[in-house]
Structure formats: C-alpha cells, structure tokens
Amino acid sequence: MLLFLLVLDLYLLRARKIQDRAFVLWFIVGVVLALFSAIPPLVSLISLLVGTEFMISAVVGVGFLFFILIFFYLDYRIAELRTQVMKLVMEISVAKFEKKRSNPNDLKSKKRNNIHK
C-alpha cells in the first residue's frame, strides 16, 4: 500500500498533475508511514511519548494530529490562492478599464451598430 502511494506520487509529479509542494508533502508522508510499518519499535516509542497504555490509542491520536496539521496547511494554501486570484481579477479589471478608456470611439461605433440592427 505504501509503495503504491509513493509510485502514485511520482507518477502524478511526472504527469504534472500535482505541484512540487504537494509531491514533497505526500512523499514525506509515504516515507514516514513506510518507516513506521517497517520498524515496529517506532510505534512503541510513539506510544511512550504520547503517554498511552495501548498502541492503537497512540496511533489514532497521532493520526488525528497529523490530519489537523494537513487541514491547516491546506487552509493556508487556499488563502494564498484566493489572494492570487483576487490580484489577477484586479489586474484584469484595470486592463479592461484602460482599454475602454483609451478607445472610446470603438465603444460608440459598437453602440451605433447595435441600435441599427
């Protein structure tokens, strides 16, 4: 399963379906999961660090924290993209406004053509 995750990650990067940031994130997740599945004492170490009596409780707790971190990261990326989209919208609006302002005769001729039709 982990090998599938790593191969899928590499395939999507080569096909340019994901960006470099996403590739790095999922590659690190795959490597960490591979380490924990290959070396079981690491799970015991996590259980000791978290302070749980059962390993499954430690795994669920760490998994929950991991997903919260991923959600925060994705929210940060969405905010970045929203800002970029707003900047692009403003630039396009200014460009359209400047174009209309620089060619007022074109607008008058278009209005006349619409009236005659």
C-alpha atoms as a PDB file:
ATOM      1  CA  MET A   1       0.000   0.000   0.000  1.00  0.00           C
ATOM      2  CA  LEU A   2       2.771   2.447   0.884  1.00  0.00           C
ATOM      3  CA  LEU A   3       4.699   1.527  -2.219  1.00  0.00           C
ATOM      4  CA  PHE A   4       1.551   2.284  -4.209  1.00  0.00           C
ATOM      5  CA  LEU A   5       1.342   5.730  -2.535  1.00  0.00           C
ATOM      6  CA  LEU A   6       4.954   6.525  -3.434  1.00  0.00           C
ATOM      7  CA  VAL A   7       4.609   5.297  -7.029  1.00  0.00           C
ATOM      8  CA  LEU A   8       1.347   7.224  -7.466  1.00  0.00           C
ATOM      9  CA  ASP A   9       3.018  10.341  -6.087  1.00  0.00           C
ATOM     10  CA  LEU A  10       5.909  10.027  -8.545  1.00  0.00           C
ATOM     11  CA  TYR A  11       3.543   9.333 -11.453  1.00  0.00           C
ATOM     12  CA  LEU A  12       1.412  12.398 -10.702  1.00  0.00           C
ATOM     13  CA  LEU A  13       4.514  14.565 -10.484  1.00  0.00           C
ATOM     14  CA  ARG A  14       5.814  13.329 -13.850  1.00  0.00           C
ATOM     15  CA  ALA A  15       2.393  13.824 -15.440  1.00  0.00           C
ATOM     16  CA  ARG A  16       2.344  17.358 -13.963  1.00  0.00           C
ATOM     17  CA  LYS A  17      -0.935  16.678 -12.181  1.00  0.00           C
ATOM     18  CA  ILE A  18       0.422  17.866  -8.822  1.00  0.00           C
ATOM     19  CA  GLN A  19       2.797  20.652  -7.841  1.00  0.00           C
ATOM     20  CA  ASP A  20       6.161  20.239  -6.189  1.00  0.00           C
ATOM     21  CA  ARG A  21       4.812  21.218  -2.753  1.00  0.00           C
ATOM     22  CA  ALA A  22       2.155  18.524  -2.829  1.00  0.00           C
ATOM     23  CA  PHE A  23       4.686  15.980  -4.087  1.00  0.00           C
ATOM     24  CA  VAL A  24       7.055  16.711  -1.195  1.00  0.00           C
ATOM     25  CA  LEU A  25       4.239  16.545   1.350  1.00  0.00           C
ATOM     26  CA  TRP A  26       2.904  13.191   0.184  1.00  0.00           C
ATOM     27  CA  PHE A  27       6.377  11.756  -0.376  1.00  0.00           C
ATOM     28  CA  ILE A  28       7.313  12.555   3.231  1.00  0.00           C
ATOM     29  CA  VAL A  29       4.033  11.032   4.435  1.00  0.00           C
ATOM     30  CA  GLY A  30       4.785   7.862   2.463  1.00  0.00           C
ATOM     31  CA  VAL A  31       8.336   7.600   3.790  1.00  0.00           C
ATOM     32  CA  VAL A  32       7.244   8.138   7.401  1.00  0.00           C
ATOM     33  CA  LEU A  33       4.485   5.535   7.060  1.00  0.00           C
ATOM     34  CA  ALA A  34       6.970   3.125   5.487  1.00  0.00           C
ATOM     35  CA  LEU A  35       9.359   3.633   8.403  1.00  0.00           C
ATOM     36  CA  PHE A  36       6.656   3.019  10.987  1.00  0.00           C
ATOM     37  CA  SER A  37       5.437  -0.112   9.244  1.00  0.00           C
ATOM     38  CA  ALA A  38       8.976  -1.472   8.709  1.00  0.00           C
ATOM     39  CA  ILE A  39      10.213  -0.741  12.247  1.00  0.00           C
ATOM     40  CA  PRO A  40       7.501  -1.637  14.812  1.00  0.00           C
ATOM     41  CA  PRO A  41       9.501  -0.341  17.828  1.00  0.00           C
ATOM     42  CA  LEU A  42       8.926   3.179  16.444  1.00  0.00           C
ATOM     43  CA  VAL A  43       5.217   2.755  17.152  1.00  0.00           C
ATOM     44  CA  SER A  44       6.076   1.713  20.709  1.00  0.00           C
ATOM     45  CA  LEU A  45       8.225   4.815  21.032  1.00  0.00           C
ATOM     46  CA  ILE A  46       5.310   6.991  19.893  1.00  0.00           C
ATOM     47  CA  SER A  47       3.103   5.234  22.455  1.00  0.00           C
ATOM     48  CA  LEU A  48       5.610   6.095  25.194  1.00  0.00           C
ATOM     49  CA  LEU A  49       5.953   9.709  24.039  1.00  0.00           C
ATOM     50  CA  VAL A  50       2.201  10.259  23.867  1.00  0.00           C
ATOM     51  CA  GLY A  51       1.737   8.505  27.209  1.00  0.00           C
ATOM     52  CA  THR A  52      -0.909   5.997  26.255  1.00  0.00           C
ATOM     53  CA  GLU A  53      -1.234   2.481  27.545  1.00  0.00           C
ATOM     54  CA  PHE A  54      -2.309   0.981  24.236  1.00  0.00           C
ATOM     55  CA  MET A  55      -0.523   1.409  20.920  1.00  0.00           C
ATOM     56  CA  ILE A  56      -3.753   1.842  18.994  1.00  0.00           C
ATOM     57  CA  SER A  57      -4.625   4.894  21.085  1.00  0.00           C
ATOM     58  CA  ALA A  58      -1.248   6.441  20.236  1.00  0.00           C
ATOM     59  CA  VAL A  59      -1.686   5.701  16.530  1.00  0.00           C
ATOM     60  CA  VAL A  60      -5.182   7.202  16.462  1.00  0.00           C
ATOM     61  CA  GLY A  61      -4.049  10.277  18.422  1.00  0.00           C
ATOM     62  CA  VAL A  62      -1.019  10.910  16.223  1.00  0.00           C
ATOM     63  CA  GLY A  63      -3.110  10.302  13.101  1.00  0.00           C
ATOM     64  CA  PHE A  64      -5.680  12.826  14.308  1.00  0.00           C
ATOM     65  CA  LEU A  65      -2.970  15.428  14.937  1.00  0.00           C
ATOM     66  CA  PHE A  66      -1.497  14.713  11.514  1.00  0.00           C
ATOM     67  CA  PHE A  67      -4.836  15.321   9.804  1.00  0.00           C
ATOM     68  CA  ILE A  68      -5.334  18.567  11.720  1.00  0.00           C
ATOM     69  CA  LEU A  69      -1.903  19.727  10.514  1.00  0.00           C
ATOM     70  CA  ILE A  70      -2.798  18.783   6.935  1.00  0.00           C
ATOM     71  CA  PHE A  71      -6.094  20.717   7.202  1.00  0.00           C
ATOM     72  CA  PHE A  72      -4.261  23.805   8.478  1.00  0.00           C
ATOM     73  CA  TYR A  73      -1.748  23.549   5.643  1.00  0.00           C
ATOM     74  CA  LEU A  74      -4.495  23.195   3.034  1.00  0.00           C
ATOM     75  CA  ASP A  75      -6.365  26.143   4.509  1.00  0.00           C
ATOM     76  CA  TYR A  76      -3.170  28.199   4.265  1.00  0.00           C
ATOM     77  CA  ARG A  77      -2.720  27.203   0.607  1.00  0.00           C
ATOM     78  CA  ILE A  78      -6.359  28.049  -0.193  1.00  0.00           C
ATOM     79  CA  ALA A  79      -5.881  31.502   1.364  1.00  0.00           C
ATOM     80  CA  GLU A  80      -2.733  32.020  -0.756  1.00  0.00           C
ATOM     81  CA  LEU A  81      -4.558  31.003  -3.923  1.00  0.00           C
ATOM     82  CA  ARG A  82      -7.545  33.200  -3.072  1.00  0.00           C
ATOM     83  CA  THR A  83      -5.184  36.171  -2.721  1.00  0.00           C
ATOM     84  CA  GLN A  84      -3.573  35.394  -6.082  1.00  0.00           C
ATOM     85  CA  VAL A  85      -6.984  35.134  -7.765  1.00  0.00           C
ATOM     86  CA  MET A  86      -8.069  38.481  -6.309  1.00  0.00           C
ATOM     87  CA  LYS A  87      -4.873  40.125  -7.592  1.00  0.00           C
ATOM     88  CA  LEU A  88      -5.462  38.670 -11.046  1.00  0.00           C
ATOM     89  CA  VAL A  89      -9.077  39.843 -11.058  1.00  0.00           C
ATOM     90  CA  MET A  90      -7.975  43.355 -10.149  1.00  0.00           C
ATOM     91  CA  GLU A  91      -5.289  43.382 -12.857  1.00  0.00           C
ATOM     92  CA  ILE A  92      -7.771  42.188 -15.491  1.00  0.00           C
ATOM     93  CA  SER A  93     -10.337  44.807 -14.399  1.00  0.00           C
ATOM     94  CA  VAL A  94      -7.769  47.583 -14.619  1.00  0.00           C
ATOM     95  CA  ALA A  95      -6.613  46.364 -18.038  1.00  0.00           C
ATOM     96  CA  LYS A  96     -10.203  46.262 -19.359  1.00  0.00           C
ATOM     97  CA  PHE A  97     -10.916  49.704 -17.921  1.00  0.00           C
ATOM     98  CA  GLU A  98      -7.760  51.137 -19.507  1.00  0.00           C
ATOM     99  CA  LYS A  99      -8.654  49.568 -22.843  1.00  0.00           C
ATOM    100  CA  LYS A 100     -12.154  51.068 -22.765  1.00  0.00           C
ATOM    101  CA  ARG A 101     -10.811  54.448 -21.726  1.00  0.00           C
ATOM    102  CA  SER A 102      -8.156  54.517 -24.449  1.00  0.00           C
ATOM    103  CA  ASN A 103     -10.607  53.602 -27.274  1.00  0.00           C
ATOM    104  CA  PRO A 104     -13.872  55.464 -26.617  1.00  0.00           C
ATOM    105  CA  ASN A 105     -14.631  55.639 -30.370  1.00  0.00           C
ATOM    106  CA  ASP A 106     -14.767  51.865 -30.590  1.00  0.00           C
ATOM    107  CA  LEU A 107     -17.473  51.794 -27.931  1.00  0.00           C
ATOM    108  CA  LYS A 108     -19.554  54.460 -29.692  1.00  0.00           C
ATOM    109  CA  SER A 109     -19.384  52.608 -33.004  1.00  0.00           C
ATOM    110  CA  LYS A 110     -20.416  49.348 -31.342  1.00  0.00           C
ATOM    111  CA  LYS A 111     -23.397  51.068 -29.742  1.00  0.00           C
ATOM    112  CA  ARG A 112     -24.435  52.548 -33.086  1.00  0.00           C
ATOM    113  CA  ASN A 113     -24.198  49.165 -34.802  1.00  0.00           C
ATOM    114  CA  ASN A 114     -26.380  47.601 -32.105  1.00  0.00           C
ATOM    115  CA  ILE A 115     -29.009  50.321 -32.466  1.00  0.00           C
ATOM    116  CA  HIS A 116     -29.240  49.884 -36.263  1.00  0.00           C
ATOM    117  CA  LYS A 117     -29.702  46.130 -36.032  1.00  0.00           C
END
